[in-house]
Amino acid sequence: MRRAMWTIMIVEDDPAIREELTLLLGNEGYRTAVVTDFFEVPQQVLRAAPDLILMDLGLPGRDGAALCADIRRISRAPVIFVTSRDSAADELRALSLGGDDYITKPYNIPVLLARIKAVLRRSGALAEPDTLEAGGLKLHLTRGTAWAGGRSVELTRNELKILSHLMAHAGKIVSRADLIDALWDSQIYIDDNTLSVNMTRLRAKLEEIGLPGLIKTRRGMGYQL
């Protein structure tokens, strides 16, 4: 299961398309914020703080391009217009008022998802964090170190991958199969025994910095941070 990390706001007045986009984005691991009141969209943007906005042009009460101009005054979230209007004039106006991309309906799903990722990447929203924090532990990904209470310890590549995966899913049970997948490298085969060895070493290092028992075994299910 993908971890939902980015929130996409859907500003679309067609209920069927709203539902389709919500399901599609949810399956891809995105959170969604759905707008149904089209008269206070900027206020809803402030509350939801989305990473990206999908917006129709033909909306009740207000044109989507004009709404985009209002949103630009309060938010830097990129806006992708998804609309049935296919004229060059509409596209030019939407982009000149602050839109980041323009997709016409009916859209091709793989293309839509690719454009969303491209816009998120350009905006910097897809940049991975260099430091993770959970359970009193800080993990520095580029340095490969974990620290807590003023003490630090260096991790091997596999220990780093195990710990970062568990921290990214803090509070949730992560199966052994999921951890093996996270450890997988095109040149190295990771088996169940290798995972057990790395887990034992990782737990010993966490104990060194005062965090014994941070990684719990959930018998028959996996591990939990």
Protein backbone atom coordinates (compact mmCIF):
# COMPACT_ATOMS: atom_id res chain seq x y z
CA MET A 1 0.00 0.00 0.00
CA ARG A 2 1.32 3.43 -0.94
CA ARG A 3 1.65 6.03 1.75
CA ALA A 4 -0.47 9.10 1.02
CA MET A 5 1.93 12.05 1.13
CA TRP A 6 0.47 14.77 -1.08
CA THR A 7 -2.95 16.37 -1.04
CA ILE A 8 -4.72 17.17 -4.30
CA MET A 9 -7.79 19.41 -4.27
CA ILE A 10 -10.50 18.62 -6.83
CA VAL A 11 -12.55 21.60 -8.00
CA GLU A 12 -15.06 19.96 -10.35
CA ASP A 13 -18.85 20.38 -10.47
CA ASP A 14 -19.63 17.11 -12.26
CA PRO A 15 -20.24 14.52 -9.47
CA ALA A 16 -19.28 11.57 -11.70
CA ILE A 17 -15.94 13.12 -12.64
CA ARG A 18 -15.31 14.14 -9.01
CA GLU A 19 -15.88 10.56 -7.90
CA GLU A 20 -13.70 9.17 -10.68
CA LEU A 21 -10.82 11.53 -9.85
CA THR A 22 -11.13 10.85 -6.11
CA LEU A 23 -10.93 7.09 -6.68
CA LEU A 24 -8.12 7.38 -9.21
CA LEU A 25 -5.97 9.64 -7.04
CA GLY A 26 -6.66 7.60 -3.91
CA ASN A 27 -5.45 4.46 -5.68
CA GLU A 28 -2.25 6.30 -6.57
CA GLY A 29 -1.59 7.19 -2.93
CA TYR A 30 -2.72 10.81 -2.93
CA ARG A 31 -4.98 12.40 -0.35
CA THR A 32 -7.89 14.29 -1.88
CA ALA A 33 -9.84 17.35 -0.80
CA VAL A 34 -13.08 17.68 -2.76
CA VAL A 35 -14.78 21.04 -3.27
CA THR A 36 -18.57 21.08 -3.52
CA ASP A 37 -19.15 24.73 -2.53
CA PHE A 38 -17.83 26.75 -5.46
CA PHE A 39 -18.44 30.17 -3.93
CA GLU A 40 -15.69 29.97 -1.28
CA VAL A 41 -12.93 28.10 -3.09
CA PRO A 42 -10.00 30.31 -1.96
CA GLN A 43 -11.04 29.88 1.68
CA GLN A 44 -11.15 26.10 1.21
CA VAL A 45 -7.70 26.19 -0.36
CA LEU A 46 -6.38 27.95 2.74
CA ARG A 47 -7.94 25.34 5.02
CA ALA A 48 -6.86 22.27 3.03
CA ALA A 49 -3.39 23.57 2.04
CA PRO A 50 -3.24 21.26 -1.00
CA ASP A 51 -0.03 20.43 -2.84
CA LEU A 52 -1.85 20.69 -6.19
CA ILE A 53 -5.29 21.70 -7.46
CA LEU A 54 -7.24 20.09 -10.31
CA MET A 55 -9.78 22.64 -11.54
CA ASP A 56 -12.51 22.77 -14.16
CA LEU A 57 -13.09 25.99 -16.08
CA GLY A 58 -16.88 25.89 -16.25
CA LEU A 59 -17.91 26.14 -12.60
CA PRO A 60 -21.13 27.37 -10.99
CA GLY A 61 -21.05 31.06 -10.18
CA ARG A 62 -17.40 31.68 -11.11
CA ASP A 63 -15.13 30.94 -14.01
CA GLY A 64 -12.25 28.62 -13.06
CA ALA A 65 -9.59 30.91 -14.55
CA ALA A 66 -10.83 33.84 -12.45
CA LEU A 67 -10.82 31.57 -9.38
CA CYS A 68 -7.23 30.62 -10.18
CA ALA A 69 -6.25 34.30 -10.16
CA ASP A 70 -7.83 34.65 -6.69
CA ILE A 71 -6.07 31.52 -5.45
CA ARG A 72 -2.72 32.85 -6.70
CA ARG A 73 -2.99 35.72 -4.22
CA ILE A 74 -3.09 33.36 -1.23
CA SER A 75 -1.45 30.10 -2.31
CA ARG A 76 1.47 28.83 -4.34
CA ALA A 77 -0.18 25.44 -4.96
CA PRO A 78 0.07 24.61 -8.67
CA VAL A 79 -3.18 24.46 -10.64
CA ILE A 80 -3.91 22.03 -13.46
CA PHE A 81 -7.03 22.83 -15.45
CA VAL A 82 -9.02 19.75 -16.49
CA THR A 83 -11.76 20.97 -18.79
CA SER A 84 -13.85 20.22 -21.87
CA ARG A 85 -12.99 23.63 -23.32
CA ASP A 86 -10.42 23.02 -26.03
CA SER A 87 -9.95 26.45 -27.59
CA ALA A 88 -6.53 28.08 -27.67
CA ALA A 89 -8.06 31.25 -26.23
CA ASP A 90 -9.38 29.43 -23.15
CA GLU A 91 -6.05 27.70 -22.60
CA LEU A 92 -4.09 30.94 -23.00
CA ARG A 93 -6.35 32.77 -20.55
CA ALA A 94 -6.20 29.96 -17.96
CA LEU A 95 -2.42 29.78 -18.10
CA SER A 96 -1.97 33.56 -18.09
CA LEU A 97 -4.07 33.82 -14.90
CA GLY A 98 -1.83 31.43 -12.99
CA GLY A 99 -2.53 27.93 -14.26
CA ASP A 100 0.40 25.51 -14.48
CA ASP A 101 -1.00 23.03 -16.99
CA TYR A 102 -4.08 22.51 -19.15
CA ILE A 103 -5.67 19.13 -19.95
CA THR A 104 -8.80 18.66 -22.04
CA LYS A 105 -11.56 16.13 -21.36
CA PRO A 106 -11.93 13.30 -21.97
CA TYR A 107 -8.50 12.87 -20.44
CA ASN A 108 -6.17 9.90 -20.80
CA ILE A 109 -5.64 8.57 -17.27
CA PRO A 110 -1.91 7.66 -17.56
CA VAL A 111 -1.22 11.04 -19.17
CA LEU A 112 -3.15 12.88 -16.45
CA LEU A 113 -1.21 11.07 -13.71
CA ALA A 114 2.08 11.77 -15.47
CA ARG A 115 1.25 15.47 -15.79
CA ILE A 116 0.31 15.63 -12.10
CA LYS A 117 3.67 14.13 -11.14
CA ALA A 118 5.51 16.48 -13.51
CA VAL A 119 3.84 19.57 -12.03
CA LEU A 120 4.43 18.36 -8.47
CA ARG A 121 8.07 17.74 -9.32
CA ARG A 122 8.49 21.21 -10.79
CA SER A 123 6.86 22.76 -7.74
CA GLY A 124 9.23 20.90 -5.42
CA ALA A 125 6.43 18.98 -3.70
CA LEU A 126 7.91 15.62 -4.73
CA ALA A 127 11.25 16.34 -3.13
CA GLU A 128 11.95 13.67 -0.57
CA PRO A 129 12.74 14.81 2.99
CA ASP A 130 16.33 14.39 4.15
CA THR A 131 15.33 13.81 7.77
CA LEU A 132 12.58 11.61 9.22
CA GLU A 133 11.33 11.80 12.80
CA ALA A 134 9.20 9.31 14.76
CA GLY A 135 9.06 7.92 18.27
CA GLY A 136 11.77 10.23 19.58
CA LEU A 137 14.15 9.12 16.82
CA LYS A 138 15.65 11.25 14.05
CA LEU A 139 16.98 9.62 10.90
CA HIS A 140 19.32 11.49 8.55
CA LEU A 141 18.92 9.80 5.17
CA THR A 142 21.93 11.16 3.29
CA ARG A 143 24.31 10.67 6.22
CA GLY A 144 22.91 7.27 7.13
CA THR A 145 22.76 8.10 10.83
CA ALA A 146 20.10 7.78 13.51
CA TRP A 147 20.12 9.80 16.69
CA ALA A 148 18.14 10.28 19.87
CA GLY A 149 18.83 12.01 23.17
CA GLY A 150 22.12 13.44 21.96
CA ARG A 151 23.50 10.05 20.88
CA SER A 152 23.92 8.86 17.31
CA VAL A 153 24.72 5.66 15.47
CA GLU A 154 25.75 4.88 11.91
CA LEU A 155 23.59 2.51 9.89
CA THR A 156 24.35 0.18 7.02
CA ARG A 157 22.47 0.62 3.75
CA ASN A 158 19.99 -2.14 4.58
CA GLU A 159 19.48 -0.93 8.15
CA LEU A 160 18.79 2.55 6.79
CA LYS A 161 16.21 1.22 4.32
CA ILE A 162 14.45 -0.85 6.98
CA LEU A 163 14.30 2.01 9.47
CA SER A 164 13.22 4.65 6.93
CA HIS A 165 10.43 2.37 5.68
CA LEU A 166 9.18 1.75 9.21
CA MET A 167 9.37 5.47 10.06
CA ALA A 168 7.48 6.39 6.90
CA HIS A 169 4.71 4.06 8.11
CA ALA A 170 5.01 4.91 11.83
CA GLY A 171 2.15 3.46 13.85
CA LYS A 172 1.21 0.98 11.14
CA ILE A 173 2.10 -2.70 10.91
CA VAL A 174 4.58 -3.37 8.10
CA SER A 175 4.76 -6.96 6.89
CA ARG A 176 8.03 -8.79 6.36
CA ALA A 177 7.16 -9.05 2.65
CA ASP A 178 6.83 -5.25 2.42
CA LEU A 179 10.21 -4.78 4.09
CA ILE A 180 11.84 -7.27 1.75
CA ASP A 181 10.35 -5.36 -1.20
CA ALA A 182 11.72 -2.11 0.26
CA LEU A 183 15.18 -3.70 0.54
CA TRP A 184 15.12 -5.15 -2.94
CA ASP A 185 17.96 -4.09 -5.23
CA SER A 186 18.33 -5.12 -8.87
CA GLN A 187 21.68 -6.71 -8.04
CA ILE A 188 21.04 -8.09 -4.57
CA TYR A 189 18.46 -10.67 -3.57
CA ILE A 190 17.12 -10.13 -0.06
CA ASP A 191 15.61 -13.19 1.58
CA ASP A 192 13.74 -13.69 4.84
CA ASN A 193 16.86 -14.71 6.77
CA THR A 194 18.76 -11.62 5.59
CA LEU A 195 15.91 -9.45 6.86
CA SER A 196 16.05 -11.15 10.28
CA VAL A 197 19.81 -10.58 10.57
CA ASN A 198 19.51 -6.91 9.62
CA MET A 199 16.58 -6.40 11.98
CA THR A 200 18.56 -7.84 14.89
CA ARG A 201 21.53 -5.57 14.17
CA LEU A 202 19.28 -2.53 13.75
CA ARG A 203 17.53 -3.15 17.08
CA ALA A 204 20.92 -3.45 18.80
CA LYS A 205 21.99 -0.09 17.38
CA LEU A 206 18.75 1.56 18.47
CA GLU A 207 19.32 0.20 21.95
CA GLU A 208 22.77 1.87 21.93
CA ILE A 209 21.12 5.28 21.60
CA GLY A 210 18.52 4.61 24.27
CA LEU A 211 15.61 3.28 22.22
CA PRO A 212 15.21 -0.41 23.10
CA GLY A 213 11.94 -1.86 21.96
CA LEU A 214 11.25 0.94 19.46
CA ILE A 215 10.60 -1.66 16.76
CA LYS A 216 7.91 -4.04 17.96
CA THR A 217 7.26 -7.49 16.52
CA ARG A 218 3.60 -8.12 15.75
CA ARG A 219 3.54 -11.91 15.63
CA GLY A 220 2.20 -13.29 12.38
CA MET A 221 1.82 -9.78 10.92
CA GLY A 222 5.17 -8.01 10.82
CA TYR A 223 6.77 -5.04 12.59
CA GLN A 224 5.52 -1.76 14.00
CA LEU A 225 7.33 1.41 15.02
